[in-house]
Structure formats: C-alpha cells, structure tokens
Amino acid sequence: MEATLATNRIRSELRRNGFVLMKGAVDPALLAETVPKAWKTIEAHAGKLKEIEAAGDLPYCLPMPVNEHIGLLDHAEALLRSIGADPCWLQNLMLIMKSPHEGRRFWHTDSPPIYAPSSGDAPELFVLYFLQRTTVENGCLLVMPGYAEGPQHSDRVTAPMEGELPLETEPGDVIIFDPRLLHGSLGNSTDAHRFNVRLWIQTKWKEQ
C-alpha cells in the first residue's frame, strides 16, 4: 500500500509540475563508473567543440555510446517501472554540458509544449542523472513548474521569467522530466565544465 501511494504521489507531481527530483537515487558505484565515461565523451568531441565555439555557438549536447552505459539504461528502466511507467523505446542518450563561463541557456521545450498541468501521464520522459553538484553558480537546470507559455527553441530567449525555478542537485540525484516543460539553464560563472547525462525515453503507463 505504501509503495502504491508513493507511486501515485510521484505521478501526480510529474503531471502537476512537469518534473520530479529524486534525491540520492543512484548507487555510488554506478556514479563512479559513469563520471570518467562522461569525460571521455567530452575529450572525444574536443575538436568538434572548438569548431562549434569558433562559429559563435555554444555546444551543450553530445551523443554518448549506448553500449558503454548499460548500467544507466538498466537503472533508468527500473526507476521508471517503480513509478508505474513502462519504458518502451530509448530515443537517445546524451551528455548535457555547460561550458566554463557560458551564459544562460535559452528557454525551450523539447517536445510540443503544453501550457497547463497535464491531465494524463507524459508519453515521453527525460531521466537526468547528475554526476556533479549543480548550483546557481555553475549553471543548474532552470524550469517553469507547471508548464508555461513562453519562447520556443528557435527564439533563443534567455531573459529571466517570473516564477522560474533553479534546480540545484548533488551527485547521484535524478530528475524525471517531461520534455514538454519549459526549461533552460542559468549561466556558468565558474572555470569548470558542468555536465549531466540525459536519457530520452518513450513510455507507456500502467493504470493507477
């Protein structure tokens, strides 16, 4: 009964706010295994990143080899099943970056937006794995809870919005996230890269 109530609370929160922060959801061993692989991805794309930056853009999304992250895939699947979701397709596996001294990331949604809390469960979800501490100073994730009408991806608007919420995290935290939610990120005022891993997963849901 307690497990069912917890599942229903998480699903309700996801519908209402568009995201759920799950503290300390990752085993330290899996975290320790993933961090060096993230750096390996950055190093593998170093030349391409310099080209993109020289062209005046800011890279923030790098593909990661799925076959090197089976542990994360298994963890994400188990986590989604625990809240009543049935993961049916991995759309992609990405490293999401903030470069040192990069400014605010523009407001956008990654799926066609909705402008109010959903009456149904999300057909797709992000599962975000935080490998480092993310803070206001190093450019943590920024969301508009409950969905919102706002600028779209092509507009590249970075201006603050009333009601925006920074989501600071610790290593091992996970955010389950509806890609229809309006989001961006704060600027990274530090000298270090800030990154997390994102799995984009299509889902079906069990009846509540």
N, C-alpha and C. Protein backbone atom coordinates (compact mmCIF):
# COMPACT_ATOMS: atom_id res chain seq x y z
N MET A 1 0.82 -1.21 0.00
CA MET A 1 0.00 0.00 0.00
C MET A 1 0.86 1.27 0.00
N GLU A 2 1.93 1.31 0.84
CA GLU A 2 2.79 2.48 0.90
C GLU A 2 3.48 2.72 -0.45
N ALA A 3 3.93 1.62 -1.09
CA ALA A 3 4.57 1.76 -2.40
C ALA A 3 3.61 2.33 -3.42
N THR A 4 2.34 1.90 -3.38
CA THR A 4 1.34 2.42 -4.32
C THR A 4 1.09 3.89 -4.08
N LEU A 5 1.01 4.30 -2.82
CA LEU A 5 0.79 5.71 -2.50
C LEU A 5 1.97 6.57 -2.96
N ALA A 6 3.19 6.07 -2.77
CA ALA A 6 4.36 6.82 -3.21
C ALA A 6 4.38 6.96 -4.72
N THR A 7 4.04 5.88 -5.43
CA THR A 7 3.98 5.92 -6.88
C THR A 7 2.96 6.94 -7.35
N ASN A 8 1.79 6.95 -6.75
CA ASN A 8 0.74 7.89 -7.14
C ASN A 8 1.15 9.33 -6.86
N ARG A 9 1.86 9.56 -5.76
CA ARG A 9 2.32 10.92 -5.45
C ARG A 9 3.31 11.41 -6.50
N ILE A 10 4.23 10.53 -6.90
CA ILE A 10 5.23 10.92 -7.89
C ILE A 10 4.56 11.20 -9.23
N ARG A 11 3.63 10.34 -9.63
CA ARG A 11 2.93 10.56 -10.90
C ARG A 11 2.13 11.84 -10.88
N SER A 12 1.48 12.13 -9.76
CA SER A 12 0.71 13.37 -9.63
C SER A 12 1.62 14.58 -9.71
N GLU A 13 2.78 14.51 -9.05
CA GLU A 13 3.72 15.62 -9.08
C GLU A 13 4.26 15.84 -10.49
N LEU A 14 4.53 14.76 -11.19
CA LEU A 14 5.02 14.86 -12.56
C LEU A 14 3.98 15.50 -13.47
N ARG A 15 2.72 15.12 -13.31
CA ARG A 15 1.66 15.75 -14.10
C ARG A 15 1.51 17.23 -13.76
N ARG A 16 1.59 17.54 -12.46
CA ARG A 16 1.32 18.90 -12.00
C ARG A 16 2.47 19.86 -12.32
N ASN A 17 3.72 19.43 -12.04
CA ASN A 17 4.87 20.32 -12.16
C ASN A 17 5.71 20.08 -13.41
N GLY A 18 5.62 18.87 -13.97
CA GLY A 18 6.41 18.54 -15.14
C GLY A 18 7.77 17.94 -14.82
N PHE A 19 8.09 17.79 -13.54
CA PHE A 19 9.37 17.19 -13.15
C PHE A 19 9.25 16.64 -11.73
N VAL A 20 10.13 15.70 -11.40
CA VAL A 20 10.25 15.16 -10.05
C VAL A 20 11.74 15.01 -9.75
N LEU A 21 12.20 15.60 -8.65
CA LEU A 21 13.58 15.46 -8.21
C LEU A 21 13.65 14.31 -7.21
N MET A 22 14.50 13.33 -7.50
CA MET A 22 14.67 12.16 -6.64
C MET A 22 16.09 12.21 -6.07
N LYS A 23 16.19 12.51 -4.78
CA LYS A 23 17.49 12.71 -4.14
C LYS A 23 18.20 11.37 -3.92
N GLY A 24 19.50 11.34 -4.25
CA GLY A 24 20.33 10.19 -3.97
C GLY A 24 19.83 8.90 -4.58
N ALA A 25 19.30 8.96 -5.79
CA ALA A 25 18.67 7.79 -6.40
C ALA A 25 19.66 6.84 -7.08
N VAL A 26 20.93 7.26 -7.19
CA VAL A 26 21.91 6.46 -7.92
C VAL A 26 22.92 5.86 -6.95
N ASP A 27 23.19 4.56 -7.13
CA ASP A 27 24.20 3.88 -6.34
C ASP A 27 25.57 4.52 -6.58
N PRO A 28 26.36 4.77 -5.53
CA PRO A 28 27.68 5.42 -5.72
C PRO A 28 28.59 4.67 -6.69
N ALA A 29 28.48 3.35 -6.74
CA ALA A 29 29.33 2.58 -7.67
C ALA A 29 28.98 2.89 -9.12
N LEU A 30 27.70 3.02 -9.43
CA LEU A 30 27.28 3.37 -10.78
C LEU A 30 27.71 4.79 -11.12
N LEU A 31 27.63 5.66 -10.15
CA LEU A 31 28.06 7.05 -10.34
C LEU A 31 29.56 7.10 -10.65
N ALA A 32 30.35 6.37 -9.86
CA ALA A 32 31.80 6.36 -10.05
C ALA A 32 32.19 5.77 -11.41
N GLU A 33 31.40 4.85 -11.90
CA GLU A 33 31.65 4.24 -13.20
C GLU A 33 31.31 5.19 -14.35
N THR A 34 30.34 6.06 -14.15
CA THR A 34 29.83 6.90 -15.23
C THR A 34 30.64 8.17 -15.42
N VAL A 35 31.15 8.76 -14.34
CA VAL A 35 31.84 10.05 -14.44
C VAL A 35 33.02 10.02 -15.41
N PRO A 36 33.94 9.05 -15.32
CA PRO A 36 35.05 9.06 -16.29
C PRO A 36 34.59 8.84 -17.73
N LYS A 37 33.50 8.14 -17.93
CA LYS A 37 32.97 7.94 -19.28
C LYS A 37 32.43 9.26 -19.84
N ALA A 38 31.88 10.10 -18.96
CA ALA A 38 31.41 11.42 -19.40
C ALA A 38 32.59 12.27 -19.87
N TRP A 39 33.69 12.25 -19.11
CA TRP A 39 34.88 13.00 -19.53
C TRP A 39 35.43 12.44 -20.85
N LYS A 40 35.36 11.13 -21.01
CA LYS A 40 35.82 10.51 -22.26
C LYS A 40 35.01 11.03 -23.44
N THR A 41 33.70 11.21 -23.26
CA THR A 41 32.86 11.75 -24.31
C THR A 41 33.27 13.17 -24.67
N ILE A 42 33.53 14.01 -23.66
CA ILE A 42 33.96 15.38 -23.91
C ILE A 42 35.28 15.40 -24.67
N GLU A 43 36.23 14.56 -24.25
CA GLU A 43 37.54 14.51 -24.91
C GLU A 43 37.42 14.02 -26.36
N ALA A 44 36.52 13.07 -26.60
CA ALA A 44 36.34 12.53 -27.96
C ALA A 44 35.80 13.58 -28.92
N HIS A 45 35.07 14.56 -28.38
CA HIS A 45 34.46 15.59 -29.23
C HIS A 45 35.21 16.92 -29.13
N ALA A 46 36.42 16.92 -28.58
CA ALA A 46 37.13 18.17 -28.32
C ALA A 46 37.31 19.02 -29.59
N GLY A 47 37.72 18.37 -30.68
CA GLY A 47 37.93 19.11 -31.92
C GLY A 47 36.65 19.73 -32.44
N LYS A 48 35.58 18.96 -32.43
CA LYS A 48 34.28 19.46 -32.91
C LYS A 48 33.78 20.59 -32.02
N LEU A 49 34.00 20.48 -30.72
CA LEU A 49 33.55 21.53 -29.81
C LEU A 49 34.25 22.85 -30.12
N LYS A 50 35.55 22.80 -30.43
CA LYS A 50 36.27 24.02 -30.76
C LYS A 50 35.73 24.66 -32.04
N GLU A 51 35.38 23.82 -33.02
CA GLU A 51 34.81 24.34 -34.26
C GLU A 51 33.48 25.04 -34.01
N ILE A 52 32.63 24.42 -33.18
CA ILE A 52 31.33 24.99 -32.89
C ILE A 52 31.48 26.32 -32.15
N GLU A 53 32.37 26.34 -31.16
CA GLU A 53 32.59 27.57 -30.39
C GLU A 53 33.15 28.67 -31.27
N ALA A 54 34.05 28.31 -32.20
CA ALA A 54 34.63 29.30 -33.10
C ALA A 54 33.58 29.90 -34.03
N ALA A 55 32.53 29.13 -34.31
CA ALA A 55 31.45 29.61 -35.18
C ALA A 55 30.46 30.49 -34.43
N GLY A 56 30.68 30.64 -33.11
CA GLY A 56 29.84 31.54 -32.33
C GLY A 56 28.68 30.88 -31.63
N ASP A 57 28.63 29.54 -31.64
CA ASP A 57 27.57 28.84 -30.93
C ASP A 57 28.16 28.18 -29.69
N LEU A 58 27.28 27.67 -28.83
CA LEU A 58 27.72 27.03 -27.60
C LEU A 58 27.23 25.59 -27.58
N PRO A 59 28.11 24.63 -27.66
CA PRO A 59 27.69 23.23 -27.64
C PRO A 59 27.17 22.85 -26.27
N TYR A 60 26.13 22.05 -26.22
CA TYR A 60 25.63 21.64 -24.92
C TYR A 60 25.08 20.22 -24.92
N CYS A 61 25.14 19.53 -26.03
CA CYS A 61 24.50 18.22 -26.12
C CYS A 61 25.38 17.29 -26.96
N LEU A 62 25.97 16.27 -26.33
CA LEU A 62 26.86 15.36 -27.02
C LEU A 62 26.33 13.93 -26.94
N PRO A 63 26.30 13.18 -28.05
CA PRO A 63 25.82 11.80 -28.01
C PRO A 63 26.80 10.92 -27.24
N MET A 64 26.24 9.97 -26.48
CA MET A 64 27.06 9.02 -25.72
C MET A 64 26.81 7.61 -26.25
N PRO A 65 27.83 6.77 -26.31
CA PRO A 65 27.66 5.41 -26.84
C PRO A 65 26.81 4.55 -25.89
N VAL A 66 25.70 4.08 -26.39
CA VAL A 66 24.75 3.33 -25.56
C VAL A 66 25.39 2.08 -24.97
N ASN A 67 26.20 1.40 -25.76
CA ASN A 67 26.76 0.13 -25.30
C ASN A 67 27.74 0.28 -24.14
N GLU A 68 28.17 1.52 -23.85
CA GLU A 68 29.05 1.76 -22.72
C GLU A 68 28.29 2.16 -21.45
N HIS A 69 26.96 2.23 -21.55
CA HIS A 69 26.18 2.73 -20.41
C HIS A 69 24.98 1.83 -20.13
N ILE A 70 25.18 0.53 -20.23
CA ILE A 70 24.10 -0.41 -19.98
C ILE A 70 23.62 -0.31 -18.53
N GLY A 71 24.54 -0.04 -17.60
CA GLY A 71 24.15 0.12 -16.20
C GLY A 71 23.17 1.26 -16.01
N LEU A 72 23.39 2.38 -16.68
CA LEU A 72 22.47 3.51 -16.59
C LEU A 72 21.12 3.16 -17.22
N LEU A 73 21.15 2.47 -18.35
CA LEU A 73 19.90 2.08 -19.00
C LEU A 73 19.08 1.18 -18.09
N ASP A 74 19.73 0.20 -17.47
CA ASP A 74 19.02 -0.70 -16.56
C ASP A 74 18.46 0.07 -15.37
N HIS A 75 19.24 1.00 -14.85
CA HIS A 75 18.79 1.79 -13.70
C HIS A 75 17.58 2.64 -14.07
N ALA A 76 17.64 3.30 -15.23
CA ALA A 76 16.53 4.15 -15.67
C ALA A 76 15.26 3.33 -15.88
N GLU A 77 15.41 2.16 -16.47
CA GLU A 77 14.25 1.31 -16.69
C GLU A 77 13.61 0.91 -15.36
N ALA A 78 14.44 0.48 -14.40
CA ALA A 78 13.91 0.08 -13.09
C ALA A 78 13.26 1.26 -12.38
N LEU A 79 13.86 2.45 -12.50
CA LEU A 79 13.32 3.63 -11.85
C LEU A 79 11.95 4.00 -12.42
N LEU A 80 11.82 3.97 -13.74
CA LEU A 80 10.55 4.30 -14.37
C LEU A 80 9.48 3.26 -14.03
N ARG A 81 9.86 1.99 -14.03
CA ARG A 81 8.88 0.96 -13.67
C ARG A 81 8.40 1.13 -12.23
N SER A 82 9.28 1.64 -11.37
CA SER A 82 8.90 1.81 -9.96
C SER A 82 7.83 2.89 -9.77
N ILE A 83 7.66 3.78 -10.76
CA ILE A 83 6.63 4.81 -10.65
C ILE A 83 5.45 4.53 -11.58
N GLY A 84 5.41 3.32 -12.14
CA GLY A 84 4.25 2.93 -12.95
C GLY A 84 4.41 3.13 -14.43
N ALA A 85 5.60 3.56 -14.87
CA ALA A 85 5.85 3.75 -16.30
C ALA A 85 6.44 2.49 -16.90
N ASP A 86 6.19 2.28 -18.17
CA ASP A 86 6.74 1.14 -18.89
C ASP A 86 7.60 1.68 -20.03
N PRO A 87 8.93 1.76 -19.83
CA PRO A 87 9.78 2.30 -20.90
C PRO A 87 9.77 1.38 -22.11
N CYS A 88 9.50 1.95 -23.29
CA CYS A 88 9.37 1.11 -24.48
C CYS A 88 10.36 1.47 -25.58
N TRP A 89 11.03 2.63 -25.49
CA TRP A 89 11.97 2.98 -26.56
C TRP A 89 12.93 4.05 -26.05
N LEU A 90 14.23 3.81 -26.23
CA LEU A 90 15.24 4.82 -25.92
C LEU A 90 15.45 5.67 -27.15
N GLN A 91 15.06 6.95 -27.06
CA GLN A 91 15.22 7.84 -28.21
C GLN A 91 16.68 8.28 -28.36
N ASN A 92 17.32 8.67 -27.26
CA ASN A 92 18.74 8.97 -27.32
C ASN A 92 19.33 9.02 -25.92
N LEU A 93 20.66 9.00 -25.89
CA LEU A 93 21.45 9.10 -24.66
C LEU A 93 22.46 10.21 -24.89
N MET A 94 22.39 11.27 -24.09
CA MET A 94 23.19 12.47 -24.34
C MET A 94 23.90 12.95 -23.08
N LEU A 95 25.04 13.58 -23.30
CA LEU A 95 25.71 14.34 -22.27
C LEU A 95 25.29 15.80 -22.43
N ILE A 96 24.70 16.37 -21.40
CA ILE A 96 24.26 17.77 -21.43
C ILE A 96 25.30 18.61 -20.70
N MET A 97 25.87 19.59 -21.39
CA MET A 97 27.01 20.33 -20.87
C MET A 97 26.70 21.81 -20.62
N LYS A 98 27.44 22.38 -19.68
CA LYS A 98 27.60 23.83 -19.57
C LYS A 98 29.09 24.09 -19.60
N SER A 99 29.55 24.83 -20.59
CA SER A 99 30.97 25.17 -20.69
C SER A 99 31.33 26.23 -19.65
N PRO A 100 32.60 26.32 -19.27
CA PRO A 100 33.01 27.38 -18.34
C PRO A 100 32.62 28.76 -18.87
N HIS A 101 31.99 29.55 -18.02
CA HIS A 101 31.59 30.93 -18.32
C HIS A 101 30.55 31.04 -19.44
N GLU A 102 29.90 29.96 -19.74
CA GLU A 102 28.77 30.01 -20.68
C GLU A 102 27.60 30.74 -20.02
N GLY A 103 26.87 31.53 -20.80
CA GLY A 103 25.74 32.28 -20.27
C GLY A 103 24.50 31.42 -20.09
N ARG A 104 23.38 32.07 -19.84
CA ARG A 104 22.12 31.36 -19.67
C ARG A 104 21.76 30.61 -20.95
N ARG A 105 21.25 29.39 -20.77
CA ARG A 105 20.74 28.63 -21.92
C ARG A 105 19.33 29.08 -22.21
N PHE A 106 19.01 29.24 -23.48
CA PHE A 106 17.72 29.82 -23.87
C PHE A 106 16.54 28.93 -23.46
N TRP A 107 15.41 29.57 -23.23
CA TRP A 107 14.17 28.87 -22.89
C TRP A 107 13.69 28.04 -24.08
N HIS A 108 13.24 26.81 -23.78
CA HIS A 108 12.73 25.96 -24.85
C HIS A 108 11.98 24.78 -24.26
N THR A 109 11.27 24.08 -25.12
CA THR A 109 10.74 22.76 -24.81
C THR A 109 11.35 21.80 -25.82
N ASP A 110 11.40 20.51 -25.49
CA ASP A 110 11.97 19.52 -26.39
C ASP A 110 10.91 18.65 -27.06
N SER A 111 9.66 18.86 -26.70
CA SER A 111 8.51 18.26 -27.37
C SER A 111 7.46 19.35 -27.49
N PRO A 112 6.47 19.19 -28.37
CA PRO A 112 5.44 20.22 -28.47
C PRO A 112 4.89 20.59 -27.10
N PRO A 113 4.88 21.88 -26.76
CA PRO A 113 4.56 22.29 -25.39
C PRO A 113 3.09 22.14 -25.03
N ILE A 114 2.85 21.98 -23.74
CA ILE A 114 1.52 22.16 -23.18
C ILE A 114 1.64 23.30 -22.18
N TYR A 115 0.54 24.00 -21.93
CA TYR A 115 0.61 25.23 -21.17
C TYR A 115 -0.08 25.15 -19.81
N ALA A 116 -0.41 23.94 -19.39
CA ALA A 116 -1.05 23.74 -18.08
C ALA A 116 -0.72 22.34 -17.63
N PRO A 117 -0.85 22.06 -16.33
CA PRO A 117 -0.61 20.69 -15.85
C PRO A 117 -1.39 19.67 -16.68
N SER A 118 -0.74 18.56 -16.96
CA SER A 118 -1.32 17.56 -17.85
C SER A 118 -2.41 16.76 -17.15
N SER A 119 -3.43 16.38 -17.90
CA SER A 119 -4.47 15.50 -17.37
C SER A 119 -4.11 14.04 -17.55
N GLY A 120 -2.99 13.77 -18.21
CA GLY A 120 -2.54 12.39 -18.44
C GLY A 120 -1.05 12.28 -18.24
N ASP A 121 -0.55 11.07 -18.17
CA ASP A 121 0.88 10.84 -17.98
C ASP A 121 1.65 11.15 -19.26
N ALA A 122 2.87 11.61 -19.09
CA ALA A 122 3.70 12.02 -20.22
C ALA A 122 4.04 10.84 -21.12
N PRO A 123 3.91 10.98 -22.44
CA PRO A 123 4.25 9.89 -23.36
C PRO A 123 5.75 9.69 -23.52
N GLU A 124 6.53 10.68 -23.14
CA GLU A 124 7.98 10.60 -23.18
C GLU A 124 8.53 11.23 -21.91
N LEU A 125 9.68 10.76 -21.48
CA LEU A 125 10.30 11.32 -20.29
C LEU A 125 11.80 11.46 -20.50
N PHE A 126 12.37 12.50 -19.88
CA PHE A 126 13.81 12.56 -19.67
C PHE A 126 14.11 11.94 -18.31
N VAL A 127 15.18 11.15 -18.25
CA VAL A 127 15.74 10.75 -16.95
C VAL A 127 17.12 11.37 -16.89
N LEU A 128 17.29 12.36 -16.02
CA LEU A 128 18.52 13.12 -15.92
C LEU A 128 19.35 12.63 -14.75
N TYR A 129 20.57 12.22 -15.02
CA TYR A 129 21.49 11.73 -13.99
C TYR A 129 22.55 12.81 -13.71
N PHE A 130 22.64 13.21 -12.46
CA PHE A 130 23.56 14.29 -12.09
C PHE A 130 24.84 13.70 -11.51
N LEU A 131 25.94 13.94 -12.23
CA LEU A 131 27.23 13.37 -11.88
C LEU A 131 28.05 14.31 -11.03
N GLN A 132 27.65 15.56 -10.99
CA GLN A 132 28.35 16.59 -10.23
C GLN A 132 27.32 17.39 -9.43
N ARG A 133 27.82 18.18 -8.51
CA ARG A 133 26.96 19.14 -7.83
C ARG A 133 26.61 20.26 -8.81
N THR A 134 25.33 20.56 -8.97
CA THR A 134 24.94 21.68 -9.81
C THR A 134 24.33 22.76 -8.94
N THR A 135 24.71 24.00 -9.22
CA THR A 135 24.33 25.13 -8.37
C THR A 135 23.93 26.31 -9.25
N VAL A 136 23.43 27.34 -8.60
CA VAL A 136 23.13 28.59 -9.30
C VAL A 136 24.41 29.13 -9.94
N GLU A 137 25.55 28.93 -9.27
CA GLU A 137 26.81 29.48 -9.77
C GLU A 137 27.32 28.75 -11.02
N ASN A 138 27.13 27.43 -11.11
CA ASN A 138 27.67 26.72 -12.28
C ASN A 138 26.62 26.38 -13.33
N GLY A 139 25.46 27.00 -13.24
CA GLY A 139 24.50 26.91 -14.33
C GLY A 139 23.54 25.75 -14.24
N CYS A 140 22.89 25.60 -13.09
CA CYS A 140 21.97 24.47 -12.91
C CYS A 140 20.73 24.60 -13.81
N LEU A 141 20.01 23.49 -13.91
CA LEU A 141 18.77 23.43 -14.69
C LEU A 141 17.77 24.46 -14.16
N LEU A 142 17.04 25.07 -15.09
CA LEU A 142 16.06 26.09 -14.77
C LEU A 142 14.73 25.69 -15.40
N VAL A 143 13.65 25.69 -14.62
CA VAL A 143 12.36 25.25 -15.14
C VAL A 143 11.27 26.26 -14.79
N MET A 144 10.15 26.15 -15.52
CA MET A 144 8.92 26.86 -15.18
C MET A 144 7.92 25.81 -14.69
N PRO A 145 7.84 25.58 -13.38
CA PRO A 145 6.99 24.50 -12.87
C PRO A 145 5.55 24.65 -13.33
N GLY A 146 4.93 23.53 -13.63
CA GLY A 146 3.53 23.55 -14.03
C GLY A 146 3.33 23.90 -15.48
N TYR A 147 4.42 23.92 -16.26
CA TYR A 147 4.36 24.27 -17.68
C TYR A 147 4.04 25.77 -17.81
N ALA A 148 4.29 26.32 -18.96
CA ALA A 148 4.06 27.76 -19.13
C ALA A 148 4.15 28.11 -20.60
N GLU A 149 3.42 29.13 -20.98
CA GLU A 149 3.57 29.68 -22.32
C GLU A 149 4.83 30.53 -22.34
N GLY A 150 5.65 30.34 -23.33
CA GLY A 150 6.89 31.10 -23.38
C GLY A 150 7.60 30.93 -24.70
N PRO A 151 8.84 31.42 -24.79
CA PRO A 151 9.59 31.37 -26.05
C PRO A 151 9.88 29.94 -26.46
N GLN A 152 9.93 29.70 -27.75
CA GLN A 152 10.22 28.38 -28.27
C GLN A 152 11.70 28.27 -28.63
N HIS A 153 12.13 27.07 -28.98
CA HIS A 153 13.54 26.77 -29.19
C HIS A 153 14.19 27.74 -30.18
N SER A 154 13.49 28.07 -31.26
CA SER A 154 14.07 28.90 -32.31
C SER A 154 14.23 30.36 -31.89
N ASP A 155 13.51 30.77 -30.83
CA ASP A 155 13.57 32.17 -30.40
C ASP A 155 14.85 32.51 -29.64
N ARG A 156 15.42 31.50 -28.96
CA ARG A 156 16.67 31.66 -28.21
C ARG A 156 16.59 32.82 -27.21
N VAL A 157 15.50 32.89 -26.49
CA VAL A 157 15.31 33.92 -25.47
C VAL A 157 15.91 33.43 -24.15
N THR A 158 16.77 34.25 -23.55
CA THR A 158 17.43 33.88 -22.30
C THR A 158 16.97 34.72 -21.11
N ALA A 159 16.12 35.71 -21.34
CA ALA A 159 15.73 36.63 -20.28
C ALA A 159 15.03 35.88 -19.14
N PRO A 160 15.25 36.30 -17.89
CA PRO A 160 14.55 35.68 -16.76
C PRO A 160 13.04 35.80 -16.91
N MET A 161 12.33 34.78 -16.39
CA MET A 161 10.87 34.77 -16.40
C MET A 161 10.35 34.69 -14.97
N GLU A 162 9.27 35.37 -14.71
CA GLU A 162 8.68 35.34 -13.38
C GLU A 162 8.25 33.91 -13.04
N GLY A 163 8.66 33.44 -11.88
CA GLY A 163 8.31 32.10 -11.44
C GLY A 163 9.32 31.03 -11.80
N GLU A 164 10.41 31.40 -12.49
CA GLU A 164 11.41 30.40 -12.84
C GLU A 164 12.02 29.78 -11.59
N LEU A 165 12.38 28.51 -11.69
CA LEU A 165 12.87 27.76 -10.53
C LEU A 165 14.20 27.08 -10.87
N PRO A 166 15.32 27.46 -10.21
CA PRO A 166 16.57 26.74 -10.39
C PRO A 166 16.55 25.44 -9.59
N LEU A 167 17.02 24.35 -10.21
CA LEU A 167 17.03 23.04 -9.55
C LEU A 167 18.47 22.65 -9.25
N GLU A 168 18.92 22.97 -8.05
CA GLU A 168 20.26 22.59 -7.62
C GLU A 168 20.26 21.11 -7.21
N THR A 169 21.34 20.40 -7.54
CA THR A 169 21.40 18.96 -7.30
C THR A 169 22.75 18.57 -6.72
N GLU A 170 22.78 17.35 -6.17
CA GLU A 170 24.00 16.73 -5.68
C GLU A 170 24.32 15.52 -6.55
N PRO A 171 25.58 15.07 -6.57
CA PRO A 171 25.92 13.85 -7.32
C PRO A 171 25.04 12.68 -6.87
N GLY A 172 24.49 11.97 -7.83
CA GLY A 172 23.61 10.85 -7.52
C GLY A 172 22.14 11.18 -7.55
N ASP A 173 21.79 12.46 -7.64
CA ASP A 173 20.38 12.85 -7.78
C ASP A 173 19.91 12.53 -9.20
N VAL A 174 18.60 12.31 -9.32
CA VAL A 174 17.97 12.07 -10.62
C VAL A 174 16.75 12.98 -10.73
N ILE A 175 16.55 13.56 -11.89
CA ILE A 175 15.32 14.30 -12.17
C ILE A 175 14.59 13.59 -13.30
N ILE A 176 13.34 13.21 -13.06
CA ILE A 176 12.46 12.71 -14.11
C ILE A 176 11.69 13.90 -14.63
N PHE A 177 11.65 14.06 -15.92
CA PHE A 177 11.35 15.37 -16.52
C PHE A 177 10.51 15.20 -17.77
N ASP A 178 9.44 15.94 -17.87
CA ASP A 178 8.58 15.93 -19.05
C ASP A 178 9.18 16.87 -20.11
N PRO A 179 9.57 16.38 -21.29
CA PRO A 179 10.21 17.25 -22.28
C PRO A 179 9.29 18.36 -22.82
N ARG A 180 8.01 18.34 -22.46
CA ARG A 180 7.11 19.44 -22.84
C ARG A 180 7.21 20.63 -21.90
N LEU A 181 7.98 20.47 -20.82
CA LEU A 181 8.14 21.54 -19.83
C LEU A 181 9.08 22.63 -20.34
N LEU A 182 8.73 23.87 -20.11
CA LEU A 182 9.58 24.99 -20.49
C LEU A 182 10.79 25.03 -19.55
N HIS A 183 12.00 25.02 -20.14
CA HIS A 183 13.19 24.95 -19.32
C HIS A 183 14.38 25.61 -20.02
N GLY A 184 15.44 25.82 -19.28
CA GLY A 184 16.70 26.35 -19.78
C GLY A 184 17.75 26.05 -18.73
N SER A 185 18.74 26.94 -18.59
CA SER A 185 19.70 26.80 -17.50
C SER A 185 20.31 28.16 -17.21
N LEU A 186 20.78 28.31 -15.98
CA LEU A 186 21.46 29.54 -15.60
C LEU A 186 22.87 29.56 -16.18
N GLY A 187 23.52 30.72 -16.11
CA GLY A 187 24.88 30.84 -16.61
C GLY A 187 25.88 30.15 -15.69
N ASN A 188 26.95 29.66 -16.29
CA ASN A 188 28.03 29.03 -15.53
C ASN A 188 29.12 30.07 -15.30
N SER A 189 29.23 30.55 -14.07
CA SER A 189 30.22 31.59 -13.77
C SER A 189 31.54 31.02 -13.29
N THR A 190 31.70 29.69 -13.35
CA THR A 190 32.92 29.05 -12.86
C THR A 190 33.88 28.72 -14.01
N ASP A 191 35.06 28.23 -13.65
CA ASP A 191 36.07 27.85 -14.63
C ASP A 191 35.97 26.39 -15.05
N ALA A 192 34.94 25.67 -14.60
CA ALA A 192 34.84 24.23 -14.83
C ALA A 192 33.62 23.88 -15.68
N HIS A 193 33.75 22.78 -16.43
CA HIS A 193 32.58 22.22 -17.11
C HIS A 193 31.59 21.71 -16.07
N ARG A 194 30.32 21.83 -16.39
CA ARG A 194 29.25 21.22 -15.59
C ARG A 194 28.46 20.32 -16.52
N PHE A 195 28.23 19.06 -16.14
CA PHE A 195 27.52 18.17 -17.05
C PHE A 195 26.64 17.18 -16.30
N ASN A 196 25.67 16.66 -17.02
CA ASN A 196 24.83 15.55 -16.55
C ASN A 196 24.47 14.68 -17.75
N VAL A 197 23.94 13.51 -17.47
CA VAL A 197 23.56 12.56 -18.52
C VAL A 197 22.05 12.53 -18.64
N ARG A 198 21.56 12.55 -19.89
CA ARG A 198 20.12 12.54 -20.14
C ARG A 198 19.74 11.34 -21.00
N LEU A 199 18.80 10.57 -20.51
CA LEU A 199 18.17 9.52 -21.32
C LEU A 199 16.78 10.02 -21.70
N TRP A 200 16.48 9.99 -23.00
CA TRP A 200 15.16 10.38 -23.51
C TRP A 200 14.43 9.10 -23.85
N ILE A 201 13.36 8.81 -23.11
CA ILE A 201 12.72 7.51 -23.18
C ILE A 201 11.22 7.66 -23.46
N GLN A 202 10.74 6.95 -24.47
CA GLN A 202 9.30 6.89 -24.72
C GLN A 202 8.68 5.88 -23.76
N THR A 203 7.49 6.20 -23.27
CA THR A 203 6.90 5.41 -22.19
C THR A 203 5.43 5.10 -22.44
N LYS A 204 5.01 4.01 -21.85
CA LYS A 204 3.61 3.71 -21.64
C LYS A 204 3.39 3.63 -20.14
N TRP A 205 2.13 3.69 -19.71
CA TRP A 205 1.87 3.74 -18.27
C TRP A 205 0.86 2.68 -17.86
N LYS A 206 1.06 2.15 -16.65
CA LYS A 206 0.10 1.22 -16.07
C LYS A 206 -1.09 2.02 -15.53
N GLU A 207 -2.24 1.38 -15.46
CA GLU A 207 -3.39 2.04 -14.88
C GLU A 207 -3.15 2.30 -13.40
N GLN A 208 -3.59 3.47 -12.91
CA GLN A 208 -3.44 3.76 -11.48
C GLN A 208 -4.52 3.02 -10.68
